[in-house]
Amino acid sequence: VQLQAFGGGLVEAGDSLRLSCVASGRTSRMFAMGWFRQAPGKEREIVAAMSWGGESVWYTDSVKGRFTFSRDKALRTTQLEMTGLKPEDTAVYYCAEREGPAIVLNTASWIYWGQGTQVTVSS
């Protein structure tokens, strides 16, 4: 499985960005999908995740109400719509997949990773 994330950029506080992730090489299996971010000097953290069936979507508290996770199974893409961006959202954003249908918050359980896309929010 290869994941490619794109859509990052330099924006001002309050602006919006849409990140996208395209998957290829996927076999027939169930997997959960997620978006993570890593700011300089900080550990990678999970931002949002969706279960295989789409019945569960999880967001970290700091982005609730501002970020929206969506998925297109047929196109093998996920998107993270980010609105009301804040300087503290500045980070490299990664898309990821894990084997199994459920959301797991432990970063170590996510196996497949995209290359990351930089999001910088100026104040």
PDB file of N, CA and C in Angstrom:
ATOM      1  N   VAL A   1       0.839  -1.189   0.000  1.00  0.00           N
ATOM      2  CA  VAL A   1       0.000   0.000   0.000  1.00  0.00           C
ATOM      3  C   VAL A   1       0.880   1.247   0.000  1.00  0.00           C
ATOM      4  N   GLN A   2       0.596   2.148  -0.914  1.00  0.00           N
ATOM      5  CA  GLN A   2       1.299   3.426  -0.939  1.00  0.00           C
ATOM      6  C   GLN A   2       0.270   4.536  -0.749  1.00  0.00           C
ATOM      7  N   LEU A   3       0.633   5.463   0.102  1.00  0.00           N
ATOM      8  CA  LEU A   3      -0.224   6.614   0.371  1.00  0.00           C
ATOM      9  C   LEU A   3       0.506   7.890  -0.022  1.00  0.00           C
ATOM     10  N   GLN A   4      -0.217   8.801  -0.621  1.00  0.00           N
ATOM     11  CA  GLN A   4       0.370  10.082  -0.995  1.00  0.00           C
ATOM     12  C   GLN A   4      -0.538  11.196  -0.509  1.00  0.00           C
ATOM     13  N   ALA A   5       0.012  12.036   0.339  1.00  0.00           N
ATOM     14  CA  ALA A   5      -0.745  13.161   0.882  1.00  0.00           C
ATOM     15  C   ALA A   5      -0.327  14.445   0.187  1.00  0.00           C
ATOM     16  N   PHE A   6      -1.267  15.310  -0.040  1.00  0.00           N
ATOM     17  CA  PHE A   6      -0.961  16.598  -0.643  1.00  0.00           C
ATOM     18  C   PHE A   6      -2.035  17.605  -0.251  1.00  0.00           C
ATOM     19  N   GLY A   7      -1.755  18.871  -0.551  1.00  0.00           N
ATOM     20  CA  GLY A   7      -2.723  19.925  -0.262  1.00  0.00           C
ATOM     21  C   GLY A   7      -2.282  20.918   0.799  1.00  0.00           C
ATOM     22  N   GLY A   8      -1.122  20.685   1.404  1.00  0.00           N
ATOM     23  CA  GLY A   8      -0.645  21.610   2.412  1.00  0.00           C
ATOM     24  C   GLY A   8      -0.228  22.942   1.810  1.00  0.00           C
ATOM     25  N   GLY A   9       0.098  23.865   2.676  1.00  0.00           N
ATOM     26  CA  GLY A   9       0.530  25.157   2.192  1.00  0.00           C
ATOM     27  C   GLY A   9       0.691  26.153   3.323  1.00  0.00           C
ATOM     28  N   LEU A  10       0.968  27.369   2.940  1.00  0.00           N
ATOM     29  CA  LEU A  10       1.112  28.477   3.898  1.00  0.00           C
ATOM     30  C   LEU A  10      -0.152  29.330   3.836  1.00  0.00           C
ATOM     31  N   VAL A  11      -0.815  29.447   4.966  1.00  0.00           N
ATOM     32  CA  VAL A  11      -2.048  30.221   5.029  1.00  0.00           C
ATOM     33  C   VAL A  11      -2.017  31.111   6.256  1.00  0.00           C
ATOM     34  N   GLU A  12      -2.993  31.995   6.319  1.00  0.00           N
ATOM     35  CA  GLU A  12      -3.120  32.864   7.481  1.00  0.00           C
ATOM     36  C   GLU A  12      -4.147  32.291   8.450  1.00  0.00           C
ATOM     37  N   ALA A  13      -4.045  32.714   9.676  1.00  0.00           N
ATOM     38  CA  ALA A  13      -5.003  32.266  10.689  1.00  0.00           C
ATOM     39  C   ALA A  13      -6.420  32.572  10.226  1.00  0.00           C
ATOM     40  N   GLY A  14      -7.286  31.595  10.407  1.00  0.00           N
ATOM     41  CA  GLY A  14      -8.663  31.734   9.986  1.00  0.00           C
ATOM     42  C   GLY A  14      -8.954  31.172   8.611  1.00  0.00           C
ATOM     43  N   ASP A  15      -7.912  30.919   7.845  1.00  0.00           N
ATOM     44  CA  ASP A  15      -8.092  30.374   6.497  1.00  0.00           C
ATOM     45  C   ASP A  15      -8.434  28.883   6.541  1.00  0.00           C
ATOM     46  N   SER A  16      -8.679  28.342   5.368  1.00  0.00           N
ATOM     47  CA  SER A  16      -9.029  26.930   5.235  1.00  0.00           C
ATOM     48  C   SER A  16      -8.069  26.238   4.274  1.00  0.00           C
ATOM     49  N   LEU A  17      -7.927  24.948   4.459  1.00  0.00           N
ATOM     50  CA  LEU A  17      -7.157  24.095   3.555  1.00  0.00           C
ATOM     51  C   LEU A  17      -7.840  22.741   3.477  1.00  0.00           C
ATOM     52  N   ARG A  18      -7.678  22.087   2.339  1.00  0.00           N
ATOM     53  CA  ARG A  18      -8.155  20.724   2.207  1.00  0.00           C
ATOM     54  C   ARG A  18      -6.967  19.834   1.886  1.00  0.00           C
ATOM     55  N   LEU A  19      -6.729  18.894   2.745  1.00  0.00           N
ATOM     56  CA  LEU A  19      -5.694  17.898   2.499  1.00  0.00           C
ATOM     57  C   LEU A  19      -6.331  16.668   1.869  1.00  0.00           C
ATOM     58  N   SER A  20      -5.605  16.062   0.969  1.00  0.00           N
ATOM     59  CA  SER A  20      -6.093  14.846   0.322  1.00  0.00           C
ATOM     60  C   SER A  20      -5.047  13.755   0.429  1.00  0.00           C
ATOM     61  N   CYS A  21      -5.514  12.538   0.412  1.00  0.00           N
ATOM     62  CA  CYS A  21      -4.634  11.379   0.468  1.00  0.00           C
ATOM     63  C   CYS A  21      -5.134  10.368  -0.548  1.00  0.00           C
ATOM     64  N   VAL A  22      -4.224   9.931  -1.399  1.00  0.00           N
ATOM     65  CA  VAL A  22      -4.566   8.941  -2.419  1.00  0.00           C
ATOM     66  C   VAL A  22      -3.837   7.649  -2.111  1.00  0.00           C
ATOM     67  N   ALA A  23      -4.549   6.560  -2.139  1.00  0.00           N
ATOM     68  CA  ALA A  23      -3.964   5.250  -1.850  1.00  0.00           C
ATOM     69  C   ALA A  23      -3.861   4.433  -3.121  1.00  0.00           C
ATOM     70  N   SER A  24      -2.835   3.621  -3.191  1.00  0.00           N
ATOM     71  CA  SER A  24      -2.677   2.698  -4.310  1.00  0.00           C
ATOM     72  C   SER A  24      -2.094   1.399  -3.787  1.00  0.00           C
ATOM     73  N   GLY A  25      -2.251   0.357  -4.593  1.00  0.00           N
ATOM     74  CA  GLY A  25      -1.688  -0.923  -4.221  1.00  0.00           C
ATOM     75  C   GLY A  25      -2.448  -1.626  -3.118  1.00  0.00           C
ATOM     76  N   ARG A  26      -3.645  -1.212  -2.886  1.00  0.00           N
ATOM     77  CA  ARG A  26      -4.413  -1.776  -1.785  1.00  0.00           C
ATOM     78  C   ARG A  26      -4.990  -3.133  -2.166  1.00  0.00           C
ATOM     79  N   THR A  27      -4.956  -4.043  -1.239  1.00  0.00           N
ATOM     80  CA  THR A  27      -5.579  -5.342  -1.458  1.00  0.00           C
ATOM     81  C   THR A  27      -6.982  -5.327  -0.874  1.00  0.00           C
ATOM     82  N   SER A  28      -7.686  -6.369  -1.098  1.00  0.00           N
ATOM     83  CA  SER A  28      -9.047  -6.452  -0.585  1.00  0.00           C
ATOM     84  C   SER A  28      -8.994  -6.766   0.898  1.00  0.00           C
ATOM     85  N   ARG A  29      -9.194  -5.767   1.717  1.00  0.00           N
ATOM     86  CA  ARG A  29      -9.132  -5.943   3.163  1.00  0.00           C
ATOM     87  C   ARG A  29      -9.820  -4.771   3.814  1.00  0.00           C
ATOM     88  N   MET A  30     -10.092  -4.904   5.082  1.00  0.00           N
ATOM     89  CA  MET A  30     -10.677  -3.806   5.832  1.00  0.00           C
ATOM     90  C   MET A  30      -9.574  -3.027   6.524  1.00  0.00           C
ATOM     91  N   PHE A  31      -9.692  -1.741   6.549  1.00  0.00           N
ATOM     92  CA  PHE A  31      -8.676  -0.898   7.160  1.00  0.00           C
ATOM     93  C   PHE A  31      -9.306   0.403   7.629  1.00  0.00           C
ATOM     94  N   ALA A  32      -8.809   0.892   8.716  1.00  0.00           N
ATOM     95  CA  ALA A  32      -9.192   2.218   9.181  1.00  0.00           C
ATOM     96  C   ALA A  32      -8.240   3.243   8.589  1.00  0.00           C
ATOM     97  N   MET A  33      -8.694   4.490   8.492  1.00  0.00           N
ATOM     98  CA  MET A  33      -7.909   5.550   7.887  1.00  0.00           C
ATOM     99  C   MET A  33      -7.780   6.706   8.859  1.00  0.00           C
ATOM    100  N   GLY A  34      -6.667   7.377   8.790  1.00  0.00           N
ATOM    101  CA  GLY A  34      -6.470   8.464   9.722  1.00  0.00           C
ATOM    102  C   GLY A  34      -5.592   9.563   9.174  1.00  0.00           C
ATOM    103  N   TRP A  35      -5.647  10.693   9.839  1.00  0.00           N
ATOM    104  CA  TRP A  35      -4.757  11.813   9.581  1.00  0.00           C
ATOM    105  C   TRP A  35      -4.021  12.126  10.873  1.00  0.00           C
ATOM    106  N   PHE A  36      -2.737  12.334  10.759  1.00  0.00           N
ATOM    107  CA  PHE A  36      -1.880  12.633  11.894  1.00  0.00           C
ATOM    108  C   PHE A  36      -1.129  13.920  11.592  1.00  0.00           C
ATOM    109  N   ARG A  37      -0.515  14.475  12.618  1.00  0.00           N
ATOM    110  CA  ARG A  37       0.347  15.635  12.396  1.00  0.00           C
ATOM    111  C   ARG A  37       1.487  15.608  13.390  1.00  0.00           C
ATOM    112  N   GLN A  38       2.571  16.235  12.967  1.00  0.00           N
ATOM    113  CA  GLN A  38       3.740  16.340  13.831  1.00  0.00           C
ATOM    114  C   GLN A  38       4.317  17.737  13.709  1.00  0.00           C
ATOM    115  N   ALA A  39       4.288  18.440  14.812  1.00  0.00           N
ATOM    116  CA  ALA A  39       4.861  19.778  14.872  1.00  0.00           C
ATOM    117  C   ALA A  39       6.323  19.677  15.287  1.00  0.00           C
ATOM    118  N   PRO A  40       7.128  20.663  14.965  1.00  0.00           N
ATOM    119  CA  PRO A  40       8.543  20.620  15.337  1.00  0.00           C
ATOM    120  C   PRO A  40       8.734  20.411  16.836  1.00  0.00           C
ATOM    121  N   GLY A  41       9.557  19.441  17.179  1.00  0.00           N
ATOM    122  CA  GLY A  41       9.857  19.179  18.575  1.00  0.00           C
ATOM    123  C   GLY A  41       8.780  18.431  19.334  1.00  0.00           C
ATOM    124  N   LYS A  42       7.737  18.009  18.626  1.00  0.00           N
ATOM    125  CA  LYS A  42       6.642  17.300  19.286  1.00  0.00           C
ATOM    126  C   LYS A  42       6.463  15.918  18.675  1.00  0.00           C
ATOM    127  N   GLU A  43       5.780  15.061  19.418  1.00  0.00           N
ATOM    128  CA  GLU A  43       5.488  13.730  18.914  1.00  0.00           C
ATOM    129  C   GLU A  43       4.354  13.789  17.887  1.00  0.00           C
ATOM    130  N   ARG A  44       4.331  12.797  17.032  1.00  0.00           N
ATOM    131  CA  ARG A  44       3.250  12.687  16.075  1.00  0.00           C
ATOM    132  C   ARG A  44       1.954  12.375  16.823  1.00  0.00           C
ATOM    133  N   GLU A  45       0.901  13.075  16.451  1.00  0.00           N
ATOM    134  CA  GLU A  45      -0.377  12.878  17.126  1.00  0.00           C
ATOM    135  C   GLU A  45      -1.471  12.608  16.098  1.00  0.00           C
ATOM    136  N   ILE A  46      -2.440  11.849  16.528  1.00  0.00           N
ATOM    137  CA  ILE A  46      -3.572  11.575  15.660  1.00  0.00           C
ATOM    138  C   ILE A  46      -4.512  12.769  15.690  1.00  0.00           C
ATOM    139  N   VAL A  47      -4.984  13.157  14.533  1.00  0.00           N
ATOM    140  CA  VAL A  47      -5.871  14.310  14.400  1.00  0.00           C
ATOM    141  C   VAL A  47      -7.312  13.861  14.157  1.00  0.00           C
ATOM    142  N   ALA A  48      -7.478  12.925  13.253  1.00  0.00           N
ATOM    143  CA  ALA A  48      -8.816  12.435  12.913  1.00  0.00           C
ATOM    144  C   ALA A  48      -8.685  11.043  12.339  1.00  0.00           C
ATOM    145  N   ALA A  49      -9.728  10.250  12.508  1.00  0.00           N
ATOM    146  CA  ALA A  49      -9.694   8.891  11.986  1.00  0.00           C
ATOM    147  C   ALA A  49     -11.114   8.430  11.684  1.00  0.00           C
ATOM    148  N   MET A  50     -11.186   7.508  10.752  1.00  0.00           N
ATOM    149  CA  MET A  50     -12.476   6.949  10.346  1.00  0.00           C
ATOM    150  C   MET A  50     -12.365   5.434  10.280  1.00  0.00           C
ATOM    151  N   SER A  51     -13.369   4.761  10.776  1.00  0.00           N
ATOM    152  CA  SER A  51     -13.393   3.303  10.705  1.00  0.00           C
ATOM    153  C   SER A  51     -13.662   2.848   9.281  1.00  0.00           C
ATOM    154  N   TRP A  52     -13.418   1.591   9.030  1.00  0.00           N
ATOM    155  CA  TRP A  52     -13.599   1.038   7.690  1.00  0.00           C
ATOM    156  C   TRP A  52     -15.019   1.276   7.167  1.00  0.00           C
ATOM    157  N   GLY A  53     -16.013   1.016   8.006  1.00  0.00           N
ATOM    158  CA  GLY A  53     -17.385   1.156   7.572  1.00  0.00           C
ATOM    159  C   GLY A  53     -17.866   2.592   7.537  1.00  0.00           C
ATOM    160  N   GLY A  54     -17.062   3.500   8.083  1.00  0.00           N
ATOM    161  CA  GLY A  54     -17.465   4.899   8.104  1.00  0.00           C
ATOM    162  C   GLY A  54     -18.430   5.246   9.228  1.00  0.00           C
ATOM    163  N   GLU A  55     -18.794   4.263  10.044  1.00  0.00           N
ATOM    164  CA  GLU A  55     -19.763   4.544  11.112  1.00  0.00           C
ATOM    165  C   GLU A  55     -19.142   5.305  12.271  1.00  0.00           C
ATOM    166  N   SER A  56     -17.838   5.277  12.357  1.00  0.00           N
ATOM    167  CA  SER A  56     -17.161   5.976  13.453  1.00  0.00           C
ATOM    168  C   SER A  56     -16.136   6.946  12.884  1.00  0.00           C
ATOM    169  N   VAL A  57     -16.211   8.171  13.354  1.00  0.00           N
ATOM    170  CA  VAL A  57     -15.227   9.193  13.006  1.00  0.00           C
ATOM    171  C   VAL A  57     -14.782   9.839  14.309  1.00  0.00           C
ATOM    172  N   TRP A  58     -13.495   9.934  14.467  1.00  0.00           N
ATOM    173  CA  TRP A  58     -12.936  10.465  15.720  1.00  0.00           C
ATOM    174  C   TRP A  58     -12.103  11.693  15.396  1.00  0.00           C
ATOM    175  N   TYR A  59     -12.174  12.695  16.257  1.00  0.00           N
ATOM    176  CA  TYR A  59     -11.369  13.907  16.124  1.00  0.00           C
ATOM    177  C   TYR A  59     -10.718  14.219  17.466  1.00  0.00           C
ATOM    178  N   THR A  60      -9.505  14.684  17.426  1.00  0.00           N
ATOM    179  CA  THR A  60      -8.900  15.173  18.645  1.00  0.00           C
ATOM    180  C   THR A  60      -9.610  16.464  19.059  1.00  0.00           C
ATOM    181  N   ASP A  61      -9.637  16.721  20.340  1.00  0.00           N
ATOM    182  CA  ASP A  61     -10.445  17.833  20.854  1.00  0.00           C
ATOM    183  C   ASP A  61     -10.102  19.168  20.208  1.00  0.00           C
ATOM    184  N   SER A  62      -8.837  19.385  19.932  1.00  0.00           N
ATOM    185  CA  SER A  62      -8.405  20.696  19.457  1.00  0.00           C
ATOM    186  C   SER A  62      -8.907  21.028  18.051  1.00  0.00           C
ATOM    187  N   VAL A  63      -9.395  20.033  17.317  1.00  0.00           N
ATOM    188  CA  VAL A  63      -9.861  20.300  15.951  1.00  0.00           C
ATOM    189  C   VAL A  63     -11.357  20.080  15.777  1.00  0.00           C
ATOM    190  N   LYS A  64     -12.020  19.628  16.809  1.00  0.00           N
ATOM    191  CA  LYS A  64     -13.454  19.379  16.706  1.00  0.00           C
ATOM    192  C   LYS A  64     -14.182  20.662  16.315  1.00  0.00           C
ATOM    193  N   GLY A  65     -15.067  20.510  15.362  1.00  0.00           N
ATOM    194  CA  GLY A  65     -15.824  21.655  14.879  1.00  0.00           C
ATOM    195  C   GLY A  65     -15.106  22.447  13.803  1.00  0.00           C
ATOM    196  N   ARG A  66     -13.847  22.173  13.584  1.00  0.00           N
ATOM    197  CA  ARG A  66     -13.069  22.900  12.570  1.00  0.00           C
ATOM    198  C   ARG A  66     -12.622  21.987  11.436  1.00  0.00           C
ATOM    199  N   PHE A  67     -12.303  20.747  11.735  1.00  0.00           N
ATOM    200  CA  PHE A  67     -11.806  19.802  10.735  1.00  0.00           C
ATOM    201  C   PHE A  67     -12.889  18.777  10.428  1.00  0.00           C
ATOM    202  N   THR A  68     -12.926  18.356   9.182  1.00  0.00           N
ATOM    203  CA  THR A  68     -13.878  17.335   8.760  1.00  0.00           C
ATOM    204  C   THR A  68     -13.151  16.281   7.940  1.00  0.00           C
ATOM    205  N   PHE A  69     -13.341  15.034   8.341  1.00  0.00           N
ATOM    206  CA  PHE A  69     -12.726  13.892   7.659  1.00  0.00           C
ATOM    207  C   PHE A  69     -13.749  13.296   6.715  1.00  0.00           C
ATOM    208  N   SER A  70     -13.346  13.064   5.482  1.00  0.00           N
ATOM    209  CA  SER A  70     -14.249  12.418   4.545  1.00  0.00           C
ATOM    210  C   SER A  70     -13.469  11.406   3.718  1.00  0.00           C
ATOM    211  N   ARG A  71     -14.213  10.550   3.029  1.00  0.00           N
ATOM    212  CA  ARG A  71     -13.570   9.458   2.295  1.00  0.00           C
ATOM    213  C   ARG A  71     -14.382   9.129   1.058  1.00  0.00           C
ATOM    214  N   ASP A  72     -13.683   8.761   0.016  1.00  0.00           N
ATOM    215  CA  ASP A  72     -14.315   8.236  -1.186  1.00  0.00           C
ATOM    216  C   ASP A  72     -13.702   6.867  -1.445  1.00  0.00           C
ATOM    217  N   LYS A  73     -14.452   5.841  -1.116  1.00  0.00           N
ATOM    218  CA  LYS A  73     -13.914   4.480  -1.259  1.00  0.00           C
ATOM    219  C   LYS A  73     -13.585   4.163  -2.699  1.00  0.00           C
ATOM    220  N   ALA A  74     -14.451   4.549  -3.622  1.00  0.00           N
ATOM    221  CA  ALA A  74     -14.258   4.198  -5.030  1.00  0.00           C
ATOM    222  C   ALA A  74     -12.979   4.823  -5.582  1.00  0.00           C
ATOM    223  N   LEU A  75     -12.681   6.046  -5.172  1.00  0.00           N
ATOM    224  CA  LEU A  75     -11.494   6.744  -5.661  1.00  0.00           C
ATOM    225  C   LEU A  75     -10.273   6.477  -4.790  1.00  0.00           C
ATOM    226  N   ARG A  76     -10.483   5.747  -3.691  1.00  0.00           N
ATOM    227  CA  ARG A  76      -9.392   5.441  -2.775  1.00  0.00           C
ATOM    228  C   ARG A  76      -8.756   6.706  -2.223  1.00  0.00           C
ATOM    229  N   THR A  77      -9.558   7.666  -1.887  1.00  0.00           N
ATOM    230  CA  THR A  77      -9.035   8.910  -1.347  1.00  0.00           C
ATOM    231  C   THR A  77      -9.690   9.259  -0.014  1.00  0.00           C
ATOM    232  N   THR A  78      -8.944   9.968   0.795  1.00  0.00           N
ATOM    233  CA  THR A  78      -9.503  10.579   1.992  1.00  0.00           C
ATOM    234  C   THR A  78      -9.169  12.060   1.954  1.00  0.00           C
ATOM    235  N   GLN A  79      -9.979  12.834   2.606  1.00  0.00           N
ATOM    236  CA  GLN A  79      -9.747  14.277   2.672  1.00  0.00           C
ATOM    237  C   GLN A  79      -9.875  14.749   4.110  1.00  0.00           C
ATOM    238  N   LEU A  80      -9.121  15.759   4.414  1.00  0.00           N
ATOM    239  CA  LEU A  80      -9.245  16.430   5.700  1.00  0.00           C
ATOM    240  C   LEU A  80      -9.493  17.904   5.400  1.00  0.00           C
ATOM    241  N   GLU A  81     -10.728  18.314   5.581  1.00  0.00           N
ATOM    242  CA  GLU A  81     -11.099  19.703   5.363  1.00  0.00           C
ATOM    243  C   GLU A  81     -10.819  20.453   6.652  1.00  0.00           C
ATOM    244  N   MET A  82      -9.968  21.459   6.550  1.00  0.00           N
ATOM    245  CA  MET A  82      -9.551  22.209   7.744  1.00  0.00           C
ATOM    246  C   MET A  82     -10.011  23.649   7.604  1.00  0.00           C
ATOM    247  N   THR A  83     -10.810  24.091   8.528  1.00  0.00           N
ATOM    248  CA  THR A  83     -11.279  25.468   8.528  1.00  0.00           C
ATOM    249  C   THR A  83     -10.867  26.153   9.826  1.00  0.00           C
ATOM    250  N   GLY A  84     -10.945  27.466   9.844  1.00  0.00           N
ATOM    251  CA  GLY A  84     -10.584  28.187  11.050  1.00  0.00           C
ATOM    252  C   GLY A  84      -9.199  27.838  11.541  1.00  0.00           C
ATOM    253  N   LEU A  85      -8.254  27.744  10.631  1.00  0.00           N
ATOM    254  CA  LEU A  85      -6.912  27.311  11.005  1.00  0.00           C
ATOM    255  C   LEU A  85      -6.249  28.277  11.982  1.00  0.00           C
ATOM    256  N   LYS A  86      -5.488  27.703  12.882  1.00  0.00           N
ATOM    257  CA  LYS A  86      -4.794  28.458  13.919  1.00  0.00           C
ATOM    258  C   LYS A  86      -3.294  28.211  13.797  1.00  0.00           C
ATOM    259  N   PRO A  87      -2.475  29.116  14.296  1.00  0.00           N
ATOM    260  CA  PRO A  87      -1.030  28.888  14.248  1.00  0.00           C
ATOM    261  C   PRO A  87      -0.624  27.565  14.888  1.00  0.00           C
ATOM    262  N   GLU A  88      -1.343  27.139  15.906  1.00  0.00           N
ATOM    263  CA  GLU A  88      -1.001  25.876  16.569  1.00  0.00           C
ATOM    264  C   GLU A  88      -1.328  24.650  15.717  1.00  0.00           C
ATOM    265  N   ASP A  89      -1.978  24.850  14.597  1.00  0.00           N
ATOM    266  CA  ASP A  89      -2.219  23.744  13.665  1.00  0.00           C
ATOM    267  C   ASP A  89      -1.012  23.509  12.746  1.00  0.00           C
ATOM    268  N   THR A  90      -0.036  24.371  12.830  1.00  0.00           N
ATOM    269  CA  THR A  90       1.155  24.237  11.998  1.00  0.00           C
ATOM    270  C   THR A  90       1.870  22.927  12.301  1.00  0.00           C
ATOM    271  N   ALA A  91       2.080  22.127  11.269  1.00  0.00           N
ATOM    272  CA  ALA A  91       2.701  20.813  11.428  1.00  0.00           C
ATOM    273  C   ALA A  91       2.832  20.164  10.056  1.00  0.00           C
ATOM    274  N   VAL A  92       3.544  19.070  10.029  1.00  0.00           N
ATOM    275  CA  VAL A  92       3.508  18.187   8.866  1.00  0.00           C
ATOM    276  C   VAL A  92       2.365  17.216   9.094  1.00  0.00           C
ATOM    277  N   TYR A  93       1.497  17.127   8.121  1.00  0.00           N
ATOM    278  CA  TYR A  93       0.321  16.268   8.218  1.00  0.00           C
ATOM    279  C   TYR A  93       0.540  15.002   7.407  1.00  0.00           C
ATOM    280  N   TYR A  94       0.183  13.881   8.003  1.00  0.00           N
ATOM    281  CA  TYR A  94       0.351  12.581   7.379  1.00  0.00           C
ATOM    282  C   TYR A  94      -0.986  11.847   7.320  1.00  0.00           C
ATOM    283  N   CYS A  95      -1.224  11.154   6.229  1.00  0.00           N
ATOM    284  CA  CYS A  95      -2.337  10.226   6.201  1.00  0.00           C
ATOM    285  C   CYS A  95      -1.792   8.828   6.484  1.00  0.00           C
ATOM    286  N   ALA A  96      -2.646   7.982   7.015  1.00  0.00           N
ATOM    287  CA  ALA A  96      -2.201   6.659   7.409  1.00  0.00           C
ATOM    288  C   ALA A  96      -3.356   5.681   7.354  1.00  0.00           C
ATOM    289  N   GLU A  97      -2.995   4.413   7.288  1.00  0.00           N
ATOM    290  CA  GLU A  97      -3.972   3.334   7.344  1.00  0.00           C
ATOM    291  C   GLU A  97      -3.474   2.278   8.317  1.00  0.00           C
ATOM    292  N   ARG A  98      -4.412   1.586   8.907  1.00  0.00           N
ATOM    293  CA  ARG A  98      -4.064   0.467   9.764  1.00  0.00           C
ATOM    294  C   ARG A  98      -4.896  -0.742   9.359  1.00  0.00           C
ATOM    295  N   GLU A  99      -4.343  -1.909   9.567  1.00  0.00           N
ATOM    296  CA  GLU A  99      -5.077  -3.142   9.299  1.00  0.00           C
ATOM    297  C   GLU A  99      -6.192  -3.288  10.312  1.00  0.00           C
ATOM    298  N   GLY A 100      -7.358  -3.662   9.840  1.00  0.00           N
ATOM    299  CA  GLY A 100      -8.477  -3.812  10.748  1.00  0.00           C
ATOM    300  C   GLY A 100      -9.457  -2.675  10.599  1.00  0.00           C
ATOM    301  N   PRO A 101     -10.700  -2.928  10.882  1.00  0.00           N
ATOM    302  CA  PRO A 101     -11.750  -1.948  10.608  1.00  0.00           C
ATOM    303  C   PRO A 101     -11.881  -0.835  11.628  1.00  0.00           C
ATOM    304  N   ALA A 102     -11.347  -1.026  12.819  1.00  0.00           N
ATOM    305  CA  ALA A 102     -11.641  -0.102  13.911  1.00  0.00           C
ATOM    306  C   ALA A 102     -10.605   1.010  14.033  1.00  0.00           C
ATOM    307  N   ILE A 103     -11.029   2.083  14.653  1.00  0.00           N
ATOM    308  CA  ILE A 103     -10.127   3.185  14.964  1.00  0.00           C
ATOM    309  C   ILE A 103      -9.316   2.820  16.206  1.00  0.00           C
ATOM    310  N   VAL A 104      -8.039   3.014  16.125  1.00  0.00           N
ATOM    311  CA  VAL A 104      -7.159   2.821  17.270  1.00  0.00           C
ATOM    312  C   VAL A 104      -6.318   4.080  17.409  1.00  0.00           C
ATOM    313  N   LEU A 105      -6.252   4.628  18.597  1.00  0.00           N
ATOM    314  CA  LEU A 105      -5.578   5.903  18.775  1.00  0.00           C
ATOM    315  C   LEU A 105      -4.072   5.771  18.925  1.00  0.00           C
ATOM    316  N   ASN A 106      -3.595   4.577  19.187  1.00  0.00           N
ATOM    317  CA  ASN A 106      -2.168   4.358  19.348  1.00  0.00           C
ATOM    318  C   ASN A 106      -1.472   4.497  17.998  1.00  0.00           C
ATOM    319  N   THR A 107      -0.591   5.468  17.875  1.00  0.00           N
ATOM    320  CA  THR A 107       0.082   5.735  16.604  1.00  0.00           C
ATOM    321  C   THR A 107       0.831   4.508  16.097  1.00  0.00           C
ATOM    322  N   ALA A 108       1.369   3.718  17.002  1.00  0.00           N
ATOM    323  CA  ALA A 108       2.182   2.569  16.612  1.00  0.00           C
ATOM    324  C   ALA A 108       1.389   1.506  15.868  1.00  0.00           C
ATOM    325  N   SER A 109       0.084   1.523  15.986  1.00  0.00           N
ATOM    326  CA  SER A 109      -0.740   0.505  15.331  1.00  0.00           C
ATOM    327  C   SER A 109      -1.057   0.849  13.890  1.00  0.00           C
ATOM    328  N   TRP A 110      -0.649   2.017  13.434  1.00  0.00           N
ATOM    329  CA  TRP A 110      -0.898   2.446  12.057  1.00  0.00           C
ATOM    330  C   TRP A 110       0.320   2.066  11.217  1.00  0.00           C
ATOM    331  N   ILE A 111       0.089   1.308  10.169  1.00  0.00           N
ATOM    332  CA  ILE A 111       1.186   0.668   9.454  1.00  0.00           C
ATOM    333  C   ILE A 111       1.619   1.426   8.212  1.00  0.00           C
ATOM    334  N   TYR A 112       0.657   1.903   7.467  1.00  0.00           N
ATOM    335  CA  TYR A 112       0.967   2.524   6.183  1.00  0.00           C
ATOM    336  C   TYR A 112       0.873   4.046   6.314  1.00  0.00           C
ATOM    337  N   TRP A 113       1.893   4.716   5.807  1.00  0.00           N
ATOM    338  CA  TRP A 113       1.989   6.160   5.980  1.00  0.00           C
ATOM    339  C   TRP A 113       2.267   6.850   4.650  1.00  0.00           C
ATOM    340  N   GLY A 114       1.661   8.012   4.482  1.00  0.00           N
ATOM    341  CA  GLY A 114       2.021   8.871   3.370  1.00  0.00           C
ATOM    342  C   GLY A 114       3.271   9.659   3.724  1.00  0.00           C
ATOM    343  N   GLN A 115       3.747  10.449   2.782  1.00  0.00           N
ATOM    344  CA  GLN A 115       5.017  11.130   2.965  1.00  0.00           C
ATOM    345  C   GLN A 115       4.896  12.437   3.755  1.00  0.00           C
ATOM    346  N   GLY A 116       3.717  12.905   3.997  1.00  0.00           N
ATOM    347  CA  GLY A 116       3.534  14.119   4.766  1.00  0.00           C
ATOM    348  C   GLY A 116       3.425  15.348   3.889  1.00  0.00           C
ATOM    349  N   THR A 117       2.621  16.292   4.339  1.00  0.00           N
ATOM    350  CA  THR A 117       2.472  17.566   3.638  1.00  0.00           C
ATOM    351  C   THR A 117       2.474  18.673   4.686  1.00  0.00           C
ATOM    352  N   GLN A 118       3.244  19.709   4.428  1.00  0.00           N
ATOM    353  CA  GLN A 118       3.444  20.772   5.406  1.00  0.00           C
ATOM    354  C   GLN A 118       2.272  21.741   5.399  1.00  0.00           C
ATOM    355  N   VAL A 119       1.778  22.018   6.594  1.00  0.00           N
ATOM    356  CA  VAL A 119       0.765  23.052   6.785  1.00  0.00           C
ATOM    357  C   VAL A 119       1.359  24.098   7.717  1.00  0.00           C
ATOM    358  N   THR A 120       1.408  25.323   7.260  1.00  0.00           N
ATOM    359  CA  THR A 120       1.931  26.419   8.063  1.00  0.00           C
ATOM    360  C   THR A 120       0.878  27.509   8.158  1.00  0.00           C
ATOM    361  N   VAL A 121       0.533  27.864   9.386  1.00  0.00           N
ATOM    362  CA  VAL A 121      -0.492  28.874   9.615  1.00  0.00           C
ATOM    363  C   VAL A 121       0.158  30.070  10.289  1.00  0.00           C
ATOM    364  N   SER A 122       0.135  31.192   9.630  1.00  0.00           N
ATOM    365  CA  SER A 122       0.729  32.396  10.191  1.00  0.00           C
ATOM    366  C   SER A 122      -0.322  33.182  10.973  1.00  0.00           C
ATOM    367  N   SER A 123       0.146  33.878  11.983  1.00  0.00           N
ATOM    368  CA  SER A 123      -0.785  34.635  12.833  1.00  0.00           C
ATOM    369  C   SER A 123      -1.000  36.038  12.317  1.00  0.00           C
TER     370      SER A 123
END
